[in-house]
Structure formats: C-alpha cells, structure tokens
Amino acid sequence: MTHPAPPQRYRLHIFDGAYEVLHDRKYIVTLDLDMPGLDGILDRHLQGLTRAALAANEPMTCPRLEVRDAVTGVKVLDWGV
C-alpha cells in the first residue's frame, strides 16, 4: 500500500486580475493539494484575503489566488472566481 504525500507548505498570493495586492504580507498555509474539500478551503482563503485587501483600500474587482511553493516560489495552482 502506498501512502499519500504529506501536506506541503505553500504561500498564497492575492491578486486583483493581474495586479498583486497585499504584496507586503506573507500568507503561509499547509495544504494537501490532492485532498477532498480543497476547493472549499481555497474559497475561504480567497474570501478572507479579499476582505483584508478591501480593508486596506486595495481594488478587488476580479480576485484570484496563486498558490506557490513556500520555498521555491514556483506557482502550483491558480485559483479564482
């Protein structure tokens, strides 16, 4: 029997379209990208970070997340509305 890979650490980057907002903040999460329910987890992170961006007076007409490896910075997932 093979064991699934353990969850990994990722950094979330929040964007309004192509413009990165809250770029001076670091959001590190531990995720298993193959787990059921990942959609809901990413949706909640997107909603929370969108609220934080709006509170910081950032424009948020087309919010999206990029999930990047926390060490290398390589984008592994693009998540948006």
N, C-alpha and C. Protein backbone atom coordinates (compact mmCIF):
# COMPACT_ATOMS: atom_id res chain seq x y z
N MET A 1 0.83 -1.17 0.00
CA MET A 1 0.00 0.00 0.00
C MET A 1 0.89 1.25 0.00
N THR A 2 0.56 2.18 -0.87
CA THR A 2 1.33 3.42 -0.92
C THR A 2 0.66 4.46 -0.04
N HIS A 3 1.48 5.26 0.59
CA HIS A 3 0.97 6.32 1.45
C HIS A 3 0.93 7.61 0.66
N PRO A 4 -0.12 8.40 0.88
CA PRO A 4 -0.17 9.69 0.18
C PRO A 4 0.93 10.63 0.66
N ALA A 5 1.28 11.54 -0.18
CA ALA A 5 2.31 12.53 0.18
C ALA A 5 1.78 13.40 1.32
N PRO A 6 2.64 13.77 2.24
CA PRO A 6 2.19 14.62 3.35
C PRO A 6 1.85 16.02 2.84
N PRO A 7 1.04 16.75 3.59
CA PRO A 7 0.74 18.13 3.20
C PRO A 7 2.03 18.95 3.09
N GLN A 8 2.01 19.92 2.23
CA GLN A 8 3.16 20.79 1.98
C GLN A 8 2.83 22.22 2.39
N ARG A 9 3.88 23.01 2.57
CA ARG A 9 3.70 24.43 2.89
C ARG A 9 3.70 25.24 1.59
N TYR A 10 2.73 26.14 1.51
CA TYR A 10 2.58 26.99 0.33
C TYR A 10 2.38 28.43 0.79
N ARG A 11 2.73 29.35 -0.10
CA ARG A 11 2.48 30.76 0.15
C ARG A 11 1.36 31.20 -0.79
N LEU A 12 0.39 31.91 -0.22
CA LEU A 12 -0.73 32.42 -1.01
C LEU A 12 -0.44 33.86 -1.43
N HIS A 13 -0.69 34.14 -2.69
CA HIS A 13 -0.56 35.49 -3.24
C HIS A 13 -1.94 35.88 -3.74
N ILE A 14 -2.42 37.05 -3.34
CA ILE A 14 -3.75 37.52 -3.74
C ILE A 14 -3.61 38.58 -4.83
N PHE A 15 -4.45 38.46 -5.84
CA PHE A 15 -4.41 39.36 -7.00
C PHE A 15 -5.79 39.93 -7.28
N ASP A 16 -5.81 41.12 -7.85
CA ASP A 16 -6.99 41.67 -8.50
C ASP A 16 -6.66 41.64 -9.98
N GLY A 17 -7.13 40.62 -10.66
CA GLY A 17 -6.74 40.42 -12.05
C GLY A 17 -5.27 40.08 -12.13
N ALA A 18 -4.48 40.94 -12.78
CA ALA A 18 -3.04 40.70 -12.91
C ALA A 18 -2.23 41.46 -11.86
N TYR A 19 -2.90 42.30 -11.07
CA TYR A 19 -2.22 43.17 -10.09
C TYR A 19 -2.19 42.49 -8.73
N GLU A 20 -0.99 42.25 -8.18
CA GLU A 20 -0.89 41.64 -6.85
C GLU A 20 -1.18 42.68 -5.78
N VAL A 21 -2.08 42.32 -4.87
CA VAL A 21 -2.40 43.19 -3.73
C VAL A 21 -1.86 42.55 -2.46
N LEU A 22 -1.71 43.32 -1.43
CA LEU A 22 -1.17 42.84 -0.15
C LEU A 22 0.19 42.17 -0.34
N HIS A 23 0.98 42.66 -1.30
CA HIS A 23 2.25 42.03 -1.64
C HIS A 23 3.28 42.13 -0.52
N ASP A 24 3.05 43.02 0.45
CA ASP A 24 4.00 43.17 1.56
C ASP A 24 3.71 42.21 2.70
N ARG A 25 2.67 41.39 2.57
CA ARG A 25 2.29 40.43 3.62
C ARG A 25 2.56 39.01 3.14
N LYS A 26 2.86 38.13 4.09
CA LYS A 26 3.10 36.72 3.75
C LYS A 26 2.01 35.86 4.35
N TYR A 27 1.38 35.06 3.51
CA TYR A 27 0.34 34.12 3.94
C TYR A 27 0.83 32.71 3.63
N ILE A 28 1.26 32.00 4.66
CA ILE A 28 1.77 30.64 4.52
C ILE A 28 0.71 29.67 5.03
N VAL A 29 0.42 28.65 4.24
CA VAL A 29 -0.56 27.64 4.63
C VAL A 29 0.04 26.25 4.39
N THR A 30 -0.49 25.29 5.09
CA THR A 30 -0.11 23.89 4.88
C THR A 30 -1.29 23.20 4.24
N LEU A 31 -1.09 22.68 3.03
CA LEU A 31 -2.18 22.07 2.25
C LEU A 31 -1.76 20.75 1.63
N ASP A 32 -2.74 19.91 1.43
CA ASP A 32 -2.59 18.71 0.61
C ASP A 32 -3.41 19.00 -0.65
N LEU A 33 -2.75 19.23 -1.76
CA LEU A 33 -3.44 19.64 -2.99
C LEU A 33 -4.30 18.55 -3.59
N ASP A 34 -4.19 17.32 -3.08
CA ASP A 34 -4.99 16.20 -3.59
C ASP A 34 -6.17 15.85 -2.68
N MET A 35 -6.35 16.57 -1.59
CA MET A 35 -7.38 16.20 -0.64
C MET A 35 -8.76 16.64 -1.08
N PRO A 36 -9.77 15.86 -0.71
CA PRO A 36 -11.14 16.32 -0.98
C PRO A 36 -11.43 17.56 -0.14
N GLY A 37 -12.20 18.45 -0.67
CA GLY A 37 -12.54 19.66 0.06
C GLY A 37 -11.57 20.80 -0.15
N LEU A 38 -10.55 20.60 -0.98
CA LEU A 38 -9.59 21.67 -1.23
C LEU A 38 -10.26 22.91 -1.80
N ASP A 39 -11.27 22.71 -2.65
CA ASP A 39 -12.00 23.84 -3.25
C ASP A 39 -12.56 24.75 -2.17
N GLY A 40 -13.20 24.18 -1.16
CA GLY A 40 -13.78 24.97 -0.08
C GLY A 40 -12.73 25.69 0.73
N ILE A 41 -11.60 25.04 0.97
CA ILE A 41 -10.52 25.65 1.73
C ILE A 41 -9.97 26.87 0.98
N LEU A 42 -9.72 26.69 -0.31
CA LEU A 42 -9.20 27.81 -1.11
C LEU A 42 -10.23 28.93 -1.24
N ASP A 43 -11.51 28.57 -1.35
CA ASP A 43 -12.56 29.59 -1.40
C ASP A 43 -12.56 30.44 -0.13
N ARG A 44 -12.42 29.79 1.02
CA ARG A 44 -12.41 30.53 2.29
C ARG A 44 -11.18 31.44 2.39
N HIS A 45 -10.03 30.94 1.94
CA HIS A 45 -8.83 31.78 1.95
C HIS A 45 -9.01 32.97 1.01
N LEU A 46 -9.57 32.73 -0.17
CA LEU A 46 -9.80 33.81 -1.13
C LEU A 46 -10.75 34.86 -0.55
N GLN A 47 -11.82 34.42 0.10
CA GLN A 47 -12.77 35.36 0.70
C GLN A 47 -12.10 36.17 1.81
N GLY A 48 -11.34 35.51 2.66
CA GLY A 48 -10.68 36.21 3.75
C GLY A 48 -9.64 37.21 3.27
N LEU A 49 -8.85 36.81 2.28
CA LEU A 49 -7.84 37.71 1.76
C LEU A 49 -8.46 38.85 0.96
N THR A 50 -9.59 38.59 0.31
CA THR A 50 -10.29 39.66 -0.40
C THR A 50 -10.80 40.70 0.60
N ARG A 51 -11.35 40.23 1.73
CA ARG A 51 -11.79 41.17 2.77
C ARG A 51 -10.61 41.99 3.31
N ALA A 52 -9.47 41.34 3.51
CA ALA A 52 -8.28 42.04 4.00
C ALA A 52 -7.81 43.08 2.98
N ALA A 53 -7.86 42.74 1.70
CA ALA A 53 -7.45 43.69 0.65
C ALA A 53 -8.40 44.88 0.60
N LEU A 54 -9.70 44.63 0.70
CA LEU A 54 -10.67 45.72 0.69
C LEU A 54 -10.48 46.62 1.91
N ALA A 55 -10.18 46.03 3.06
CA ALA A 55 -9.95 46.82 4.27
C ALA A 55 -8.69 47.68 4.12
N ALA A 56 -7.75 47.24 3.29
CA ALA A 56 -6.53 48.01 3.03
C ALA A 56 -6.69 48.95 1.83
N ASN A 57 -7.95 49.14 1.39
CA ASN A 57 -8.28 50.02 0.27
C ASN A 57 -7.65 49.59 -1.05
N GLU A 58 -7.48 48.29 -1.22
CA GLU A 58 -6.99 47.75 -2.49
C GLU A 58 -8.19 47.49 -3.40
N PRO A 59 -8.05 47.70 -4.71
CA PRO A 59 -9.15 47.37 -5.63
C PRO A 59 -9.30 45.85 -5.74
N MET A 60 -10.54 45.37 -5.73
CA MET A 60 -10.76 43.92 -5.81
C MET A 60 -11.96 43.61 -6.70
N THR A 61 -11.84 43.91 -7.99
CA THR A 61 -12.95 43.63 -8.91
C THR A 61 -12.88 42.23 -9.47
N CYS A 62 -11.70 41.63 -9.51
CA CYS A 62 -11.52 40.28 -10.06
C CYS A 62 -10.52 39.51 -9.20
N PRO A 63 -10.91 39.11 -7.96
CA PRO A 63 -9.96 38.47 -7.06
C PRO A 63 -9.56 37.06 -7.50
N ARG A 64 -8.31 36.74 -7.27
CA ARG A 64 -7.81 35.38 -7.52
C ARG A 64 -6.61 35.12 -6.63
N LEU A 65 -6.33 33.86 -6.41
CA LEU A 65 -5.19 33.43 -5.61
C LEU A 65 -4.19 32.69 -6.47
N GLU A 66 -2.94 32.86 -6.17
CA GLU A 66 -1.91 31.97 -6.69
C GLU A 66 -1.35 31.22 -5.50
N VAL A 67 -1.29 29.91 -5.61
CA VAL A 67 -0.69 29.06 -4.58
C VAL A 67 0.70 28.73 -5.09
N ARG A 68 1.71 29.13 -4.32
CA ARG A 68 3.10 28.92 -4.72
C ARG A 68 3.84 28.12 -3.66
N ASP A 69 4.82 27.35 -4.10
CA ASP A 69 5.67 26.63 -3.17
C ASP A 69 6.32 27.65 -2.24
N ALA A 70 6.26 27.39 -0.93
CA ALA A 70 6.77 28.36 0.04
C ALA A 70 8.28 28.53 -0.03
N VAL A 71 8.99 27.52 -0.52
CA VAL A 71 10.45 27.59 -0.57
C VAL A 71 10.93 28.13 -1.91
N THR A 72 10.45 27.54 -3.00
CA THR A 72 10.96 27.89 -4.33
C THR A 72 10.21 29.05 -4.98
N GLY A 73 8.97 29.29 -4.57
CA GLY A 73 8.17 30.34 -5.19
C GLY A 73 7.51 29.92 -6.49
N VAL A 74 7.63 28.65 -6.86
CA VAL A 74 7.03 28.15 -8.10
C VAL A 74 5.51 28.08 -7.95
N LYS A 75 4.78 28.65 -8.91
CA LYS A 75 3.32 28.62 -8.88
C LYS A 75 2.85 27.18 -9.15
N VAL A 76 1.99 26.67 -8.26
CA VAL A 76 1.48 25.32 -8.42
C VAL A 76 -0.02 25.31 -8.72
N LEU A 77 -0.70 26.43 -8.43
CA LEU A 77 -2.15 26.47 -8.65
C LEU A 77 -2.60 27.91 -8.77
N ASP A 78 -3.50 28.17 -9.70
CA ASP A 78 -4.13 29.47 -9.88
C ASP A 78 -5.60 29.30 -9.53
N TRP A 79 -6.09 30.05 -8.56
CA TRP A 79 -7.44 29.85 -8.06
C TRP A 79 -8.19 31.18 -8.11
N GLY A 80 -9.33 31.20 -8.78
CA GLY A 80 -10.10 32.44 -8.87
C GLY A 80 -11.56 32.20 -9.04
N VAL A 81 -12.25 33.30 -9.13
CA VAL A 81 -13.72 33.27 -9.24
C VAL A 81 -14.10 32.83 -10.64
